[in-house]
Amino acid sequence: MMVTPSQHTAKNPWNRELELVVREALESIRFGTVTLVVQDGRVVQVEKNEKIRLNRPVNMDGAGI
């Protein structure tokens, strides 16, 4: 998911399209992070890192597989 610098200006770095991209990223994950990458006062990239939680087996004691 990438936001290009032409989509917003340094004076107004937050616009409706950027807001929608961030909302979509937040709404589409259950566990993880959404990171805004800023250069020269402008958001140039939105990164989404999703964690997938697995159910832990009942008899798993950490002794290996």
N, C-alpha and C. Protein backbone atom coordinates (compact mmCIF):
# COMPACT_ATOMS: atom_id res chain seq x y z
N MET A 1 0.87 -1.17 0.00
CA MET A 1 0.00 0.00 0.00
C MET A 1 0.91 1.23 0.00
N MET A 2 0.87 2.06 -1.01
CA MET A 2 1.80 3.17 -1.16
C MET A 2 1.04 4.45 -1.44
N VAL A 3 1.43 5.53 -0.77
CA VAL A 3 0.89 6.86 -1.02
C VAL A 3 2.01 7.67 -1.63
N THR A 4 1.78 8.26 -2.79
CA THR A 4 2.83 9.03 -3.44
C THR A 4 2.80 10.48 -2.98
N PRO A 5 3.93 11.16 -3.00
CA PRO A 5 4.00 12.56 -2.54
C PRO A 5 3.06 13.50 -3.28
N SER A 6 2.69 13.18 -4.52
CA SER A 6 1.81 14.08 -5.27
C SER A 6 0.38 14.10 -4.73
N GLN A 7 0.05 13.21 -3.82
CA GLN A 7 -1.30 13.14 -3.30
C GLN A 7 -1.56 14.13 -2.17
N HIS A 8 -0.51 14.75 -1.66
CA HIS A 8 -0.69 15.75 -0.61
C HIS A 8 0.49 16.70 -0.62
N THR A 9 0.34 17.85 0.02
CA THR A 9 1.39 18.86 0.02
C THR A 9 1.99 18.99 1.41
N ALA A 10 3.15 19.64 1.51
CA ALA A 10 3.80 19.84 2.80
C ALA A 10 2.95 20.72 3.71
N LYS A 11 2.21 21.68 3.13
CA LYS A 11 1.37 22.56 3.95
C LYS A 11 0.18 21.81 4.52
N ASN A 12 -0.36 20.86 3.76
CA ASN A 12 -1.50 20.07 4.21
C ASN A 12 -1.19 18.60 3.97
N PRO A 13 -0.38 18.00 4.87
CA PRO A 13 0.05 16.63 4.63
C PRO A 13 -1.06 15.59 4.81
N TRP A 14 -2.18 15.99 5.40
CA TRP A 14 -3.28 15.05 5.64
C TRP A 14 -4.44 15.41 4.72
N ASN A 15 -4.84 14.49 3.87
CA ASN A 15 -5.99 14.73 3.02
C ASN A 15 -6.94 13.54 3.09
N ARG A 16 -8.04 13.64 2.43
CA ARG A 16 -9.09 12.61 2.50
C ARG A 16 -8.59 11.26 1.99
N GLU A 17 -7.83 11.26 0.92
CA GLU A 17 -7.34 10.00 0.36
C GLU A 17 -6.38 9.30 1.33
N LEU A 18 -5.49 10.06 1.94
CA LEU A 18 -4.57 9.48 2.93
C LEU A 18 -5.35 8.95 4.12
N GLU A 19 -6.36 9.69 4.56
CA GLU A 19 -7.20 9.23 5.67
C GLU A 19 -7.87 7.90 5.33
N LEU A 20 -8.38 7.77 4.11
CA LEU A 20 -9.03 6.53 3.70
C LEU A 20 -8.04 5.36 3.66
N VAL A 21 -6.83 5.61 3.20
CA VAL A 21 -5.81 4.56 3.15
C VAL A 21 -5.48 4.08 4.56
N VAL A 22 -5.32 5.02 5.48
CA VAL A 22 -4.98 4.66 6.87
C VAL A 22 -6.16 3.93 7.52
N ARG A 23 -7.37 4.42 7.32
CA ARG A 23 -8.55 3.74 7.88
C ARG A 23 -8.68 2.32 7.36
N GLU A 24 -8.48 2.15 6.06
CA GLU A 24 -8.57 0.82 5.46
C GLU A 24 -7.54 -0.13 6.07
N ALA A 25 -6.32 0.37 6.23
CA ALA A 25 -5.26 -0.45 6.83
C ALA A 25 -5.62 -0.85 8.26
N LEU A 26 -6.14 0.10 9.03
CA LEU A 26 -6.50 -0.19 10.42
C LEU A 26 -7.68 -1.14 10.52
N GLU A 27 -8.64 -0.98 9.65
CA GLU A 27 -9.83 -1.82 9.70
C GLU A 27 -9.59 -3.24 9.19
N SER A 28 -8.52 -3.44 8.42
CA SER A 28 -8.31 -4.73 7.79
C SER A 28 -7.39 -5.67 8.58
N ILE A 29 -6.89 -5.21 9.73
CA ILE A 29 -6.04 -6.09 10.53
C ILE A 29 -6.61 -6.25 11.93
N ARG A 30 -6.32 -7.41 12.52
CA ARG A 30 -6.75 -7.65 13.90
C ARG A 30 -5.58 -7.46 14.86
N PHE A 31 -4.40 -7.95 14.49
CA PHE A 31 -3.18 -7.78 15.27
C PHE A 31 -2.10 -7.28 14.33
N GLY A 32 -1.32 -6.30 14.75
CA GLY A 32 -0.23 -5.83 13.92
C GLY A 32 -0.01 -4.34 14.06
N THR A 33 0.65 -3.76 13.06
CA THR A 33 0.98 -2.34 13.11
C THR A 33 0.68 -1.68 11.77
N VAL A 34 0.37 -0.40 11.84
CA VAL A 34 0.27 0.45 10.65
C VAL A 34 1.26 1.58 10.88
N THR A 35 2.18 1.75 9.94
CA THR A 35 3.26 2.72 10.08
C THR A 35 3.18 3.75 8.96
N LEU A 36 3.27 5.03 9.32
CA LEU A 36 3.35 6.09 8.32
C LEU A 36 4.81 6.48 8.19
N VAL A 37 5.32 6.48 6.96
CA VAL A 37 6.69 6.89 6.70
C VAL A 37 6.64 8.33 6.20
N VAL A 38 7.37 9.21 6.89
CA VAL A 38 7.33 10.65 6.60
C VAL A 38 8.71 11.10 6.11
N GLN A 39 8.73 11.85 5.02
CA GLN A 39 9.96 12.47 4.51
C GLN A 39 9.65 13.91 4.17
N ASP A 40 10.47 14.80 4.65
CA ASP A 40 10.30 16.24 4.40
C ASP A 40 8.91 16.72 4.79
N GLY A 41 8.38 16.19 5.90
CA GLY A 41 7.08 16.62 6.40
C GLY A 41 5.89 16.06 5.66
N ARG A 42 6.12 15.10 4.75
CA ARG A 42 5.04 14.50 3.97
C ARG A 42 5.01 12.99 4.19
N VAL A 43 3.81 12.43 4.26
CA VAL A 43 3.67 10.98 4.32
C VAL A 43 3.94 10.45 2.92
N VAL A 44 4.95 9.59 2.79
CA VAL A 44 5.31 9.06 1.48
C VAL A 44 4.99 7.58 1.36
N GLN A 45 4.66 6.95 2.50
CA GLN A 45 4.39 5.52 2.44
C GLN A 45 3.57 5.10 3.65
N VAL A 46 2.67 4.16 3.45
CA VAL A 46 1.90 3.55 4.53
C VAL A 46 2.24 2.06 4.52
N GLU A 47 2.72 1.56 5.67
CA GLU A 47 3.08 0.16 5.77
C GLU A 47 2.13 -0.55 6.74
N LYS A 48 1.72 -1.75 6.37
CA LYS A 48 0.86 -2.55 7.23
C LYS A 48 1.58 -3.86 7.49
N ASN A 49 1.76 -4.19 8.77
CA ASN A 49 2.41 -5.43 9.17
C ASN A 49 1.42 -6.20 10.02
N GLU A 50 0.90 -7.29 9.49
CA GLU A 50 -0.14 -8.04 10.20
C GLU A 50 0.45 -9.27 10.87
N LYS A 51 0.04 -9.49 12.12
CA LYS A 51 0.42 -10.68 12.88
C LYS A 51 -0.73 -11.66 12.81
N ILE A 52 -0.41 -12.91 12.64
CA ILE A 52 -1.44 -13.95 12.63
C ILE A 52 -1.22 -14.80 13.86
N ARG A 53 -2.21 -14.80 14.75
CA ARG A 53 -2.12 -15.55 15.99
C ARG A 53 -2.63 -16.97 15.76
N LEU A 54 -1.82 -17.94 16.14
CA LEU A 54 -2.20 -19.34 16.03
C LEU A 54 -2.65 -19.84 17.39
N ASN A 55 -3.64 -20.71 17.40
CA ASN A 55 -4.06 -21.32 18.65
C ASN A 55 -2.97 -22.25 19.15
N ARG A 56 -2.61 -22.13 20.41
CA ARG A 56 -1.56 -22.94 21.00
C ARG A 56 -2.13 -24.30 21.38
N PRO A 57 -1.51 -25.39 20.92
CA PRO A 57 -1.97 -26.73 21.30
C PRO A 57 -1.94 -26.92 22.81
N VAL A 58 -2.89 -27.64 23.38
CA VAL A 58 -3.04 -27.81 24.82
C VAL A 58 -1.82 -28.47 25.44
N ASN A 59 -1.22 -29.49 24.80
CA ASN A 59 -0.12 -30.26 25.39
C ASN A 59 1.26 -29.73 25.05
N MET A 60 1.36 -28.58 24.45
CA MET A 60 2.67 -28.04 24.07
C MET A 60 3.35 -27.46 25.31
N ASP A 61 4.55 -27.97 25.61
CA ASP A 61 5.27 -27.54 26.81
C ASP A 61 6.55 -26.78 26.49
N GLY A 62 6.83 -26.50 25.22
CA GLY A 62 8.02 -25.76 24.84
C GLY A 62 9.24 -26.65 24.67
N ALA A 63 9.08 -27.97 24.72
CA ALA A 63 10.20 -28.89 24.62
C ALA A 63 10.63 -29.13 23.19
N GLY A 64 10.02 -28.52 22.23
CA GLY A 64 10.39 -28.70 20.83
C GLY A 64 9.26 -29.31 20.04
N ILE A 65 9.55 -29.59 18.81
CA ILE A 65 8.52 -30.14 17.93
C ILE A 65 8.66 -31.65 17.85
